Amino acid sequence: MTCEHTRRRVRDERGMALVMVLLSSVLLCALGGAVALEGQSESAIAGNYRDGIAALYAAEAAAGLVIARLPSAATWSPSAGPIVSGRLDQLLAASSTSSPVVVAATLVDAGAPDRIAVLAQANGPGKAQRSVRITVARPADPADHVSLRILAWEEIR
């Protein structure tokens, strides 16, 4: 009787191994899919950060181009249109890059006659946009056409 009882019990549990293997496979597939999705999300986040930093540096470069031209400018007055605009690699006479950054920089009023603010905007790869505002003061000596004082630097969001 014990032999018959054991055979019947083994027959009843025959498909249990298949069910356990199928459940384990589904669990491992779900875990693998979650890891792949996480990796894809992290890659997108890192790419957006990289593009934003590239746009920020491009905005700073455009502002630097305008600041370099300020000592020779006759007047410091706000400009109606951009003083510097275009692809940054062309403005700097650098080799063309695979992801061009377009910049525009204008002069805006800084609230005092001896101060001017440079507002530079950059549109980078991946729709990244950054803006920088740099406030510059004239030197105390009008004959000094070299030294400018940067009073403030801020990223505008």
Protein backbone atom coordinates (compact mmCIF):
# COMPACT_ATOMS: atom_id res chain seq x y z
CA MET A 1 0.00 0.00 0.00
CA THR A 2 2.82 2.38 0.62
CA CYS A 3 4.20 1.70 -2.83
CA GLU A 4 0.85 2.49 -4.46
CA HIS A 5 0.48 5.59 -2.30
CA THR A 6 3.94 6.85 -3.34
CA ARG A 7 3.25 6.29 -7.02
CA ARG A 8 0.00 8.21 -6.82
CA ARG A 9 1.71 11.10 -5.04
CA VAL A 10 4.48 11.26 -7.64
CA ARG A 11 1.89 11.26 -10.43
CA ASP A 12 0.04 14.16 -8.79
CA GLU A 13 3.22 16.32 -8.57
CA ARG A 14 4.58 15.48 -12.01
CA GLY A 15 3.89 18.93 -13.60
CA MET A 16 5.13 20.96 -10.63
CA ALA A 17 8.71 21.20 -11.95
CA LEU A 18 7.45 22.67 -15.22
CA VAL A 19 5.38 25.27 -13.36
CA MET A 20 8.39 26.26 -11.21
CA VAL A 21 10.64 26.60 -14.28
CA LEU A 22 8.06 28.76 -16.07
CA LEU A 23 7.59 31.00 -13.02
CA SER A 24 11.36 31.37 -12.64
CA SER A 25 11.71 32.26 -16.34
CA VAL A 26 9.02 34.93 -16.12
CA LEU A 27 10.64 36.39 -13.02
CA LEU A 28 14.08 36.52 -14.65
CA CYS A 29 12.66 38.09 -17.83
CA ALA A 30 10.93 40.80 -15.77
CA LEU A 31 14.12 41.47 -13.84
CA GLY A 32 16.16 41.69 -17.06
CA GLY A 33 13.64 44.09 -18.60
CA ALA A 34 13.78 46.34 -15.53
CA VAL A 35 17.59 46.45 -15.65
CA ALA A 36 17.54 47.28 -19.38
CA LEU A 37 15.01 50.09 -18.84
CA GLU A 38 17.08 51.51 -15.97
CA GLY A 39 20.20 51.51 -18.13
CA GLN A 40 18.39 53.29 -20.94
CA SER A 41 17.06 55.94 -18.53
CA GLU A 42 20.50 56.54 -17.03
CA SER A 43 21.98 56.91 -20.50
CA ALA A 44 19.36 59.51 -21.45
CA ILE A 45 19.95 61.45 -18.21
CA ALA A 46 23.71 61.50 -18.77
CA GLY A 47 23.24 62.66 -22.38
CA ASN A 48 20.95 65.51 -21.35
CA TYR A 49 23.43 66.61 -18.69
CA ARG A 50 26.30 66.54 -21.20
CA ASP A 51 24.29 68.60 -23.72
CA GLY A 52 23.34 71.14 -21.04
CA ILE A 53 26.95 71.61 -19.96
CA ALA A 54 28.03 72.04 -23.60
CA ALA A 55 25.36 74.73 -24.05
CA LEU A 56 26.45 76.49 -20.83
CA TYR A 57 30.08 76.60 -21.96
CA ALA A 58 28.98 77.87 -25.38
CA ALA A 59 26.98 80.69 -23.76
CA GLU A 60 30.05 81.63 -21.71
CA ALA A 61 32.18 81.63 -24.87
CA ALA A 62 29.72 83.93 -26.66
CA ALA A 63 29.74 86.30 -23.69
CA GLY A 64 33.54 86.19 -23.73
CA LEU A 65 33.55 87.21 -27.39
CA VAL A 66 31.40 90.25 -26.60
CA ILE A 67 33.47 91.17 -23.53
CA ALA A 68 36.62 91.01 -25.65
CA ARG A 69 35.10 93.59 -28.01
CA LEU A 70 33.94 95.97 -25.25
CA PRO A 71 37.22 97.84 -24.58
CA SER A 72 37.33 99.10 -28.16
CA ALA A 73 33.62 100.03 -28.25
CA ALA A 74 32.92 103.75 -28.43
CA THR A 75 29.78 103.62 -26.29
CA TRP A 76 28.33 101.17 -23.87
CA SER A 77 24.67 101.16 -24.73
CA PRO A 78 22.18 98.31 -24.86
CA SER A 79 21.90 96.75 -28.28
CA ALA A 80 18.65 96.17 -30.12
CA GLY A 81 19.89 92.99 -31.73
CA PRO A 82 22.58 90.44 -31.07
CA ILE A 83 26.17 91.59 -31.29
CA VAL A 84 27.39 88.04 -31.74
CA SER A 85 25.20 85.37 -33.28
CA GLY A 86 25.63 82.18 -35.24
CA ARG A 87 27.26 78.81 -34.88
CA LEU A 88 29.93 78.94 -32.22
CA ASP A 89 32.44 76.86 -34.18
CA GLN A 90 32.23 79.37 -37.05
CA LEU A 91 32.50 82.39 -34.74
CA LEU A 92 35.62 80.94 -33.15
CA ALA A 93 36.99 79.78 -36.52
CA ALA A 94 37.24 76.27 -35.12
CA SER A 95 36.79 73.02 -36.96
CA SER A 96 33.19 72.01 -37.52
CA THR A 97 31.69 69.75 -34.91
CA SER A 98 29.10 67.05 -35.36
CA SER A 99 26.66 68.83 -33.03
CA PRO A 100 26.76 72.59 -33.67
CA VAL A 101 25.81 75.02 -30.95
CA VAL A 102 24.04 78.25 -31.97
CA VAL A 103 24.70 81.30 -29.80
CA ALA A 104 23.47 84.87 -29.56
CA ALA A 105 24.78 87.60 -27.26
CA THR A 106 23.41 91.09 -26.67
CA LEU A 107 24.19 94.04 -24.44
CA VAL A 108 21.53 94.94 -21.87
CA ASP A 109 21.28 97.79 -19.39
CA ALA A 110 22.98 97.14 -16.05
CA GLY A 111 21.53 100.15 -14.23
CA ALA A 112 24.61 102.41 -14.17
CA PRO A 113 26.39 104.44 -16.90
CA ASP A 114 29.73 102.73 -16.30
CA ARG A 115 28.26 99.21 -16.34
CA ILE A 116 26.81 96.97 -19.00
CA ALA A 117 25.49 93.43 -18.87
CA VAL A 118 26.15 90.83 -21.53
CA LEU A 119 23.30 88.38 -22.03
CA ALA A 120 24.38 85.29 -23.93
CA GLN A 121 22.12 82.42 -24.96
CA ALA A 122 23.10 79.09 -26.44
CA ASN A 123 20.99 76.42 -28.11
CA GLY A 124 22.94 73.21 -27.99
CA PRO A 125 22.45 69.65 -29.08
CA GLY A 126 19.47 67.73 -27.82
CA LYS A 127 17.39 70.92 -27.38
CA ALA A 128 19.60 72.09 -24.51
CA GLN A 129 19.28 75.82 -23.85
CA ARG A 130 21.37 77.85 -21.44
CA SER A 131 21.66 81.60 -20.78
CA VAL A 132 24.37 83.55 -18.97
CA ARG A 133 24.32 87.17 -17.79
CA ILE A 134 27.66 88.82 -17.03
CA THR A 135 27.80 92.36 -15.63
CA VAL A 136 30.93 94.27 -16.57
CA ALA A 137 32.27 97.63 -15.30
CA ARG A 138 34.48 100.05 -17.18
CA PRO A 139 37.91 100.79 -15.79
CA ALA A 140 38.26 103.95 -13.70
CA ASP A 141 40.80 105.38 -16.14
CA PRO A 142 39.15 106.09 -19.55
CA ALA A 143 42.50 105.66 -21.27
CA ASP A 144 42.73 102.08 -20.01
CA HIS A 145 41.24 100.04 -22.86
CA VAL A 146 42.42 96.69 -21.58
CA SER A 147 41.13 95.96 -18.11
CA LEU A 148 37.46 95.40 -17.44
CA ARG A 149 36.01 94.29 -14.14
CA ILE A 150 33.49 91.49 -14.07
CA LEU A 151 31.07 92.36 -11.29
CA ALA A 152 28.60 89.50 -11.55
CA TRP A 153 28.11 86.23 -13.37
CA GLU A 154 24.87 84.30 -13.27
CA GLU A 155 23.19 81.52 -15.13
CA ILE A 156 19.64 82.46 -16.05
CA ARG A 157 17.09 79.68 -15.96
